[in-house]
Amino acid sequence: MGLFDSIDIAASGMSAERLRMDVISNNIANVNTTRTQQGGPYKRQVVIFEPRYQRNTLSFSENLNREQNLGQGVRVVEIRQDNSPHRLVFNPNHPDANKEGYVYMPNVNIVSEMVDMMTASRAYEANVTAVNAAKSMALKALDIGR
């Protein structure tokens, strides 16, 4: 593992968590959106991560012994729609209410979105701390050579 690999790994985490925060913000912004271009209420979106490494056909024990498969960061695979059921709210005065007076609202739970936002923010901060630690170690290594 090289000197700048740790910065690259932490930067990949920062990039992924930033995208996750953007998607969570979009979910929060659309908590009351009952009409979309696709029709129906907004559907919550979720970011899917996976480790960033070269896929291979080695066994588990062989992979443990290979340095190149250890810690290469994370990447976003996709942004997937959450297919959990929509909330049904009684509001007969709403323009999108059905005959019984119920409106299909987005499947966004503001409390869980805020918890996810705090988790993403803390993960981003942890990656910033890792970048700063790697930067500090690199500067100390340069000082040794003086």
N, C-alpha and C. Protein backbone atom coordinates (compact mmCIF):
# COMPACT_ATOMS: atom_id res chain seq x y z
N MET A 1 0.85 -1.17 0.00
CA MET A 1 0.00 0.00 0.00
C MET A 1 0.90 1.23 0.00
N GLY A 2 0.67 2.12 -0.94
CA GLY A 2 1.49 3.31 -1.08
C GLY A 2 1.07 4.43 -0.15
N LEU A 3 1.84 5.49 -0.19
CA LEU A 3 1.62 6.63 0.69
C LEU A 3 0.28 7.31 0.41
N PHE A 4 -0.10 7.41 -0.84
CA PHE A 4 -1.31 8.14 -1.19
C PHE A 4 -2.54 7.25 -1.33
N ASP A 5 -2.37 5.94 -1.16
CA ASP A 5 -3.51 5.03 -1.24
C ASP A 5 -4.54 5.31 -0.16
N SER A 6 -4.08 5.63 1.04
CA SER A 6 -5.03 5.89 2.12
C SER A 6 -5.85 7.15 1.84
N ILE A 7 -5.23 8.14 1.21
CA ILE A 7 -5.98 9.35 0.84
C ILE A 7 -7.00 9.02 -0.23
N ASP A 8 -6.62 8.18 -1.19
CA ASP A 8 -7.53 7.78 -2.26
C ASP A 8 -8.72 6.99 -1.70
N ILE A 9 -8.45 6.12 -0.74
CA ILE A 9 -9.52 5.32 -0.13
C ILE A 9 -10.50 6.22 0.61
N ALA A 10 -9.97 7.12 1.43
CA ALA A 10 -10.84 8.03 2.18
C ALA A 10 -11.59 8.97 1.24
N ALA A 11 -10.95 9.40 0.17
CA ALA A 11 -11.63 10.27 -0.80
C ALA A 11 -12.78 9.55 -1.48
N SER A 12 -12.62 8.26 -1.74
CA SER A 12 -13.73 7.52 -2.34
C SER A 12 -14.91 7.45 -1.38
N GLY A 13 -14.61 7.29 -0.09
CA GLY A 13 -15.67 7.30 0.92
C GLY A 13 -16.34 8.65 1.02
N MET A 14 -15.56 9.73 0.95
CA MET A 14 -16.13 11.07 0.99
C MET A 14 -17.05 11.32 -0.19
N SER A 15 -16.62 10.90 -1.36
CA SER A 15 -17.44 11.08 -2.56
C SER A 15 -18.74 10.30 -2.47
N ALA A 16 -18.66 9.07 -2.01
CA ALA A 16 -19.85 8.23 -1.89
C ALA A 16 -20.82 8.79 -0.84
N GLU A 17 -20.31 9.23 0.29
CA GLU A 17 -21.16 9.78 1.34
C GLU A 17 -21.78 11.11 0.93
N ARG A 18 -21.06 11.90 0.14
CA ARG A 18 -21.62 13.14 -0.37
C ARG A 18 -22.82 12.86 -1.27
N LEU A 19 -22.68 11.87 -2.15
CA LEU A 19 -23.80 11.49 -3.01
C LEU A 19 -24.96 10.96 -2.17
N ARG A 20 -24.65 10.20 -1.14
CA ARG A 20 -25.70 9.69 -0.25
C ARG A 20 -26.44 10.83 0.43
N MET A 21 -25.71 11.86 0.88
CA MET A 21 -26.36 13.02 1.49
C MET A 21 -27.23 13.77 0.49
N ASP A 22 -26.77 13.84 -0.77
CA ASP A 22 -27.57 14.49 -1.81
C ASP A 22 -28.89 13.75 -2.03
N VAL A 23 -28.83 12.43 -2.07
CA VAL A 23 -30.04 11.63 -2.29
C VAL A 23 -30.98 11.75 -1.09
N ILE A 24 -30.43 11.74 0.11
CA ILE A 24 -31.26 11.91 1.31
C ILE A 24 -31.92 13.28 1.30
N SER A 25 -31.18 14.31 0.91
CA SER A 25 -31.76 15.65 0.82
C SER A 25 -32.90 15.70 -0.19
N ASN A 26 -32.73 15.00 -1.29
CA ASN A 26 -33.79 14.92 -2.30
C ASN A 26 -35.02 14.23 -1.73
N ASN A 27 -34.81 13.16 -0.95
CA ASN A 27 -35.94 12.48 -0.32
C ASN A 27 -36.69 13.41 0.63
N ILE A 28 -35.94 14.15 1.44
CA ILE A 28 -36.57 15.08 2.39
C ILE A 28 -37.32 16.18 1.65
N ALA A 29 -36.73 16.68 0.57
CA ALA A 29 -37.38 17.76 -0.20
C ALA A 29 -38.69 17.29 -0.83
N ASN A 30 -38.81 16.00 -1.11
CA ASN A 30 -40.00 15.48 -1.78
C ASN A 30 -40.94 14.74 -0.84
N VAL A 31 -40.87 15.03 0.45
CA VAL A 31 -41.68 14.31 1.42
C VAL A 31 -43.18 14.52 1.20
N ASN A 32 -43.58 15.59 0.54
CA ASN A 32 -45.00 15.86 0.30
C ASN A 32 -45.37 15.85 -1.19
N THR A 33 -44.50 15.35 -2.05
CA THR A 33 -44.75 15.34 -3.49
C THR A 33 -45.69 14.18 -3.84
N THR A 34 -46.90 14.53 -4.26
CA THR A 34 -47.90 13.50 -4.58
C THR A 34 -48.01 13.24 -6.08
N ARG A 35 -47.38 14.08 -6.90
CA ARG A 35 -47.41 13.90 -8.36
C ARG A 35 -46.01 13.99 -8.92
N THR A 36 -45.63 12.99 -9.68
CA THR A 36 -44.33 13.01 -10.36
C THR A 36 -44.57 12.86 -11.86
N GLN A 37 -43.53 13.01 -12.64
CA GLN A 37 -43.66 12.85 -14.09
C GLN A 37 -44.02 11.41 -14.47
N GLN A 38 -43.59 10.46 -13.64
CA GLN A 38 -43.92 9.06 -13.91
C GLN A 38 -45.34 8.73 -13.48
N GLY A 39 -45.95 9.62 -12.74
CA GLY A 39 -47.30 9.38 -12.23
C GLY A 39 -47.23 8.83 -10.82
N GLY A 40 -48.14 9.26 -9.99
CA GLY A 40 -48.18 8.80 -8.60
C GLY A 40 -47.24 9.58 -7.72
N PRO A 41 -47.19 9.23 -6.45
CA PRO A 41 -46.33 9.95 -5.51
C PRO A 41 -44.85 9.63 -5.69
N TYR A 42 -44.03 10.49 -5.13
CA TYR A 42 -42.58 10.32 -5.16
C TYR A 42 -42.21 9.02 -4.44
N LYS A 43 -41.20 8.33 -4.97
CA LYS A 43 -40.68 7.12 -4.32
C LYS A 43 -39.31 7.42 -3.75
N ARG A 44 -39.14 7.04 -2.51
CA ARG A 44 -37.87 7.23 -1.80
C ARG A 44 -36.74 6.55 -2.58
N GLN A 45 -35.57 7.18 -2.56
CA GLN A 45 -34.41 6.62 -3.23
C GLN A 45 -33.35 6.22 -2.21
N VAL A 46 -32.60 5.18 -2.54
CA VAL A 46 -31.57 4.65 -1.65
C VAL A 46 -30.29 4.45 -2.46
N VAL A 47 -29.15 4.80 -1.88
CA VAL A 47 -27.85 4.63 -2.54
C VAL A 47 -27.28 3.28 -2.15
N ILE A 48 -26.78 2.55 -3.14
CA ILE A 48 -26.19 1.22 -2.92
C ILE A 48 -24.68 1.33 -3.15
N PHE A 49 -23.89 0.94 -2.13
CA PHE A 49 -22.43 0.95 -2.21
C PHE A 49 -21.90 -0.47 -2.40
N GLU A 50 -20.67 -0.54 -2.90
CA GLU A 50 -19.94 -1.80 -2.90
C GLU A 50 -18.45 -1.49 -2.77
N PRO A 51 -17.66 -2.44 -2.28
CA PRO A 51 -16.22 -2.21 -2.17
C PRO A 51 -15.61 -1.99 -3.56
N ARG A 52 -14.58 -1.19 -3.60
CA ARG A 52 -13.89 -0.91 -4.85
C ARG A 52 -12.67 -1.80 -4.94
N TYR A 53 -12.79 -2.91 -5.64
CA TYR A 53 -11.67 -3.83 -5.83
C TYR A 53 -11.88 -4.60 -7.11
N GLN A 54 -10.82 -5.21 -7.56
CA GLN A 54 -10.90 -6.03 -8.77
C GLN A 54 -11.55 -7.36 -8.40
N ARG A 55 -12.63 -7.69 -9.10
CA ARG A 55 -13.26 -8.98 -8.85
C ARG A 55 -12.39 -10.08 -9.45
N ASN A 56 -12.31 -11.17 -8.71
CA ASN A 56 -11.52 -12.29 -9.19
C ASN A 56 -12.14 -13.59 -8.72
N THR A 57 -11.51 -14.67 -9.10
CA THR A 57 -12.06 -15.99 -8.76
C THR A 57 -11.22 -16.70 -7.71
N LEU A 58 -10.41 -15.96 -6.97
CA LEU A 58 -9.59 -16.58 -5.94
C LEU A 58 -10.44 -17.00 -4.75
N SER A 59 -9.91 -17.93 -3.99
CA SER A 59 -10.62 -18.37 -2.80
C SER A 59 -10.51 -17.30 -1.72
N PHE A 60 -11.29 -17.49 -0.65
CA PHE A 60 -11.29 -16.52 0.45
C PHE A 60 -9.89 -16.40 1.08
N SER A 61 -9.24 -17.54 1.34
CA SER A 61 -7.92 -17.48 1.98
C SER A 61 -6.88 -16.85 1.06
N GLU A 62 -6.99 -17.09 -0.24
CA GLU A 62 -6.06 -16.45 -1.18
C GLU A 62 -6.28 -14.94 -1.23
N ASN A 63 -7.53 -14.54 -1.16
CA ASN A 63 -7.82 -13.10 -1.15
C ASN A 63 -7.30 -12.43 0.11
N LEU A 64 -7.34 -13.12 1.24
CA LEU A 64 -6.82 -12.54 2.47
C LEU A 64 -5.33 -12.26 2.38
N ASN A 65 -4.62 -13.06 1.61
CA ASN A 65 -3.17 -12.92 1.49
C ASN A 65 -2.75 -11.96 0.40
N ARG A 66 -3.68 -11.45 -0.37
CA ARG A 66 -3.34 -10.54 -1.46
C ARG A 66 -3.51 -9.10 -1.00
N GLU A 67 -2.44 -8.36 -1.05
CA GLU A 67 -2.47 -6.97 -0.58
C GLU A 67 -3.38 -6.10 -1.45
N GLN A 68 -3.45 -6.38 -2.74
CA GLN A 68 -4.23 -5.51 -3.63
C GLN A 68 -5.73 -5.54 -3.35
N ASN A 69 -6.22 -6.56 -2.67
CA ASN A 69 -7.65 -6.64 -2.38
C ASN A 69 -8.00 -6.04 -1.03
N LEU A 70 -7.02 -5.58 -0.31
CA LEU A 70 -7.30 -5.02 1.01
C LEU A 70 -7.46 -3.51 0.90
N GLY A 71 -8.62 -3.03 1.24
CA GLY A 71 -8.86 -1.61 1.36
C GLY A 71 -8.60 -0.77 0.15
N GLN A 72 -9.45 -0.85 -0.84
CA GLN A 72 -9.31 0.01 -2.00
C GLN A 72 -10.44 1.02 -2.09
N GLY A 73 -11.23 1.15 -1.07
CA GLY A 73 -12.27 2.17 -1.05
C GLY A 73 -13.65 1.63 -1.35
N VAL A 74 -14.53 2.54 -1.71
CA VAL A 74 -15.93 2.22 -1.95
C VAL A 74 -16.40 2.95 -3.20
N ARG A 75 -17.42 2.41 -3.83
CA ARG A 75 -18.01 3.09 -4.98
C ARG A 75 -19.52 2.92 -4.95
N VAL A 76 -20.20 3.82 -5.61
CA VAL A 76 -21.66 3.74 -5.69
C VAL A 76 -22.02 2.85 -6.87
N VAL A 77 -22.84 1.85 -6.60
CA VAL A 77 -23.28 0.93 -7.64
C VAL A 77 -24.49 1.49 -8.36
N GLU A 78 -25.48 1.94 -7.58
CA GLU A 78 -26.69 2.48 -8.18
C GLU A 78 -27.49 3.27 -7.14
N ILE A 79 -28.42 4.03 -7.65
CA ILE A 79 -29.40 4.70 -6.81
C ILE A 79 -30.72 4.02 -7.12
N ARG A 80 -31.24 3.29 -6.14
CA ARG A 80 -32.41 2.44 -6.33
C ARG A 80 -33.63 3.06 -5.66
N GLN A 81 -34.80 2.84 -6.27
CA GLN A 81 -36.04 3.29 -5.66
C GLN A 81 -36.48 2.29 -4.61
N ASP A 82 -36.96 2.82 -3.49
CA ASP A 82 -37.50 2.00 -2.41
C ASP A 82 -38.94 1.65 -2.78
N ASN A 83 -39.24 0.37 -2.87
CA ASN A 83 -40.58 -0.05 -3.28
C ASN A 83 -41.50 -0.36 -2.12
N SER A 84 -41.19 0.18 -0.95
CA SER A 84 -42.10 -0.01 0.18
C SER A 84 -43.40 0.74 -0.10
N PRO A 85 -44.49 0.34 0.53
CA PRO A 85 -45.79 0.94 0.21
C PRO A 85 -45.85 2.42 0.59
N HIS A 86 -46.66 3.15 -0.16
CA HIS A 86 -46.88 4.57 0.11
C HIS A 86 -47.78 4.73 1.33
N ARG A 87 -47.67 5.90 1.96
CA ARG A 87 -48.54 6.21 3.09
C ARG A 87 -49.90 6.65 2.54
N LEU A 88 -50.95 6.26 3.21
CA LEU A 88 -52.30 6.66 2.83
C LEU A 88 -52.80 7.65 3.89
N VAL A 89 -53.07 8.89 3.48
CA VAL A 89 -53.45 9.96 4.40
C VAL A 89 -54.84 10.45 4.03
N PHE A 90 -55.69 10.62 5.04
CA PHE A 90 -57.04 11.13 4.81
C PHE A 90 -56.99 12.65 4.69
N ASN A 91 -57.29 13.15 3.49
CA ASN A 91 -57.33 14.59 3.23
C ASN A 91 -58.25 14.82 2.04
N PRO A 92 -59.57 14.88 2.28
CA PRO A 92 -60.52 14.97 1.17
C PRO A 92 -60.40 16.26 0.37
N ASN A 93 -59.75 17.29 0.89
CA ASN A 93 -59.61 18.55 0.16
C ASN A 93 -58.39 18.60 -0.75
N HIS A 94 -57.56 17.59 -0.70
CA HIS A 94 -56.35 17.54 -1.53
C HIS A 94 -56.74 17.24 -2.98
N PRO A 95 -56.11 17.90 -3.95
CA PRO A 95 -56.46 17.65 -5.36
C PRO A 95 -56.19 16.23 -5.84
N ASP A 96 -55.31 15.50 -5.17
CA ASP A 96 -54.99 14.13 -5.57
C ASP A 96 -55.72 13.09 -4.74
N ALA A 97 -56.71 13.51 -3.97
CA ALA A 97 -57.47 12.57 -3.13
C ALA A 97 -58.34 11.66 -4.01
N ASN A 98 -58.48 10.41 -3.57
CA ASN A 98 -59.36 9.49 -4.30
C ASN A 98 -60.81 9.70 -3.86
N LYS A 99 -61.70 8.85 -4.30
CA LYS A 99 -63.13 9.01 -4.00
C LYS A 99 -63.43 8.97 -2.51
N GLU A 100 -62.63 8.18 -1.78
CA GLU A 100 -62.85 8.06 -0.33
C GLU A 100 -62.20 9.20 0.45
N GLY A 101 -61.46 10.07 -0.21
CA GLY A 101 -60.81 11.20 0.44
C GLY A 101 -59.38 10.92 0.89
N TYR A 102 -58.80 9.79 0.46
CA TYR A 102 -57.44 9.44 0.85
C TYR A 102 -56.45 9.85 -0.24
N VAL A 103 -55.26 10.25 0.20
CA VAL A 103 -54.19 10.66 -0.71
C VAL A 103 -53.00 9.72 -0.50
N TYR A 104 -52.44 9.23 -1.59
CA TYR A 104 -51.22 8.43 -1.51
C TYR A 104 -50.04 9.40 -1.40
N MET A 105 -49.34 9.30 -0.27
CA MET A 105 -48.19 10.16 0.00
C MET A 105 -46.90 9.36 -0.21
N PRO A 106 -45.77 10.06 -0.43
CA PRO A 106 -44.49 9.35 -0.63
C PRO A 106 -44.13 8.45 0.54
N ASN A 107 -43.35 7.43 0.25
CA ASN A 107 -42.92 6.47 1.27
C ASN A 107 -41.67 6.95 2.01
N VAL A 108 -41.59 8.24 2.27
CA VAL A 108 -40.45 8.86 2.94
C VAL A 108 -40.81 9.09 4.41
N ASN A 109 -39.99 8.55 5.30
CA ASN A 109 -40.14 8.77 6.73
C ASN A 109 -39.09 9.79 7.14
N ILE A 110 -39.52 10.98 7.52
CA ILE A 110 -38.59 12.08 7.79
C ILE A 110 -37.62 11.75 8.93
N VAL A 111 -38.06 11.00 9.91
CA VAL A 111 -37.19 10.65 11.04
C VAL A 111 -36.06 9.73 10.58
N SER A 112 -36.38 8.70 9.81
CA SER A 112 -35.32 7.80 9.34
C SER A 112 -34.40 8.50 8.35
N GLU A 113 -34.93 9.45 7.58
CA GLU A 113 -34.09 10.21 6.66
C GLU A 113 -33.09 11.08 7.43
N MET A 114 -33.55 11.67 8.52
CA MET A 114 -32.64 12.50 9.33
C MET A 114 -31.57 11.65 10.01
N VAL A 115 -31.95 10.45 10.45
CA VAL A 115 -30.96 9.54 11.03
C VAL A 115 -29.94 9.13 9.97
N ASP A 116 -30.42 8.81 8.76
CA ASP A 116 -29.51 8.48 7.66
C ASP A 116 -28.60 9.65 7.32
N MET A 117 -29.14 10.87 7.36
CA MET A 117 -28.34 12.06 7.07
C MET A 117 -27.23 12.24 8.12
N MET A 118 -27.56 12.03 9.39
CA MET A 118 -26.54 12.14 10.44
C MET A 118 -25.47 11.06 10.27
N THR A 119 -25.89 9.85 9.91
CA THR A 119 -24.94 8.76 9.70
C THR A 119 -24.01 9.07 8.54
N ALA A 120 -24.56 9.56 7.44
CA ALA A 120 -23.75 9.92 6.28
C ALA A 120 -22.80 11.07 6.61
N SER A 121 -23.28 12.02 7.38
CA SER A 121 -22.44 13.16 7.77
C SER A 121 -21.28 12.70 8.65
N ARG A 122 -21.55 11.81 9.59
CA ARG A 122 -20.49 11.31 10.47
C ARG A 122 -19.48 10.47 9.69
N ALA A 123 -19.96 9.69 8.73
CA ALA A 123 -19.05 8.89 7.90
C ALA A 123 -18.17 9.81 7.05
N TYR A 124 -18.75 10.88 6.54
CA TYR A 124 -17.98 11.85 5.76
C TYR A 124 -16.90 12.48 6.65
N GLU A 125 -17.28 12.87 7.87
CA GLU A 125 -16.33 13.46 8.81
C GLU A 125 -15.21 12.49 9.15
N ALA A 126 -15.53 11.21 9.30
CA ALA A 126 -14.51 10.20 9.60
C ALA A 126 -13.52 10.09 8.44
N ASN A 127 -14.02 10.16 7.23
CA ASN A 127 -13.13 10.11 6.07
C ASN A 127 -12.27 11.36 5.97
N VAL A 128 -12.81 12.51 6.32
CA VAL A 128 -12.01 13.75 6.36
C VAL A 128 -10.89 13.60 7.38
N THR A 129 -11.21 13.04 8.53
CA THR A 129 -10.20 12.82 9.56
C THR A 129 -9.11 11.87 9.06
N ALA A 130 -9.49 10.84 8.33
CA ALA A 130 -8.50 9.91 7.77
C ALA A 130 -7.60 10.60 6.75
N VAL A 131 -8.18 11.46 5.91
CA VAL A 131 -7.37 12.21 4.93
C VAL A 131 -6.38 13.12 5.67
N ASN A 132 -6.86 13.81 6.69
CA ASN A 132 -5.98 14.71 7.45
C ASN A 132 -4.87 13.94 8.16
N ALA A 133 -5.18 12.76 8.69
CA ALA A 133 -4.15 11.94 9.35
C ALA A 133 -3.11 11.47 8.34
N ALA A 134 -3.55 11.04 7.15
CA ALA A 134 -2.61 10.59 6.12
C ALA A 134 -1.75 11.76 5.64
N LYS A 135 -2.36 12.92 5.52
CA LYS A 135 -1.61 14.11 5.11
C LYS A 135 -0.57 14.47 6.16
N SER A 136 -0.95 14.39 7.41
CA SER A 136 -0.02 14.69 8.50
C SER A 136 1.15 13.70 8.51
N MET A 137 0.85 12.42 8.29
CA MET A 137 1.92 11.41 8.25
C MET A 137 2.86 11.66 7.08
N ALA A 138 2.32 12.06 5.94
CA ALA A 138 3.16 12.35 4.78
C ALA A 138 4.06 13.55 5.06
N LEU A 139 3.54 14.57 5.72
CA LEU A 139 4.35 15.73 6.07
C LEU A 139 5.45 15.37 7.06
N LYS A 140 5.12 14.50 8.02
CA LYS A 140 6.13 14.05 8.99
C LYS A 140 7.21 13.24 8.30
N ALA A 141 6.82 12.44 7.32
CA ALA A 141 7.81 11.66 6.56
C ALA A 141 8.74 12.58 5.78
N LEU A 142 8.21 13.67 5.25
CA LEU A 142 9.06 14.63 4.55
C LEU A 142 10.02 15.35 5.50
N ASP A 143 9.55 15.60 6.73
CA ASP A 143 10.41 16.24 7.72
C ASP A 143 11.56 15.35 8.13
N ILE A 144 11.36 14.03 8.10
CA ILE A 144 12.44 13.11 8.46
C ILE A 144 13.59 13.23 7.47
N GLY A 145 13.25 13.45 6.22
CA GLY A 145 14.29 13.54 5.18
C GLY A 145 15.08 14.83 5.20
N ARG A 146 14.69 15.81 6.00
CA ARG A 146 15.42 17.09 6.00
C ARG A 146 16.68 17.02 6.78
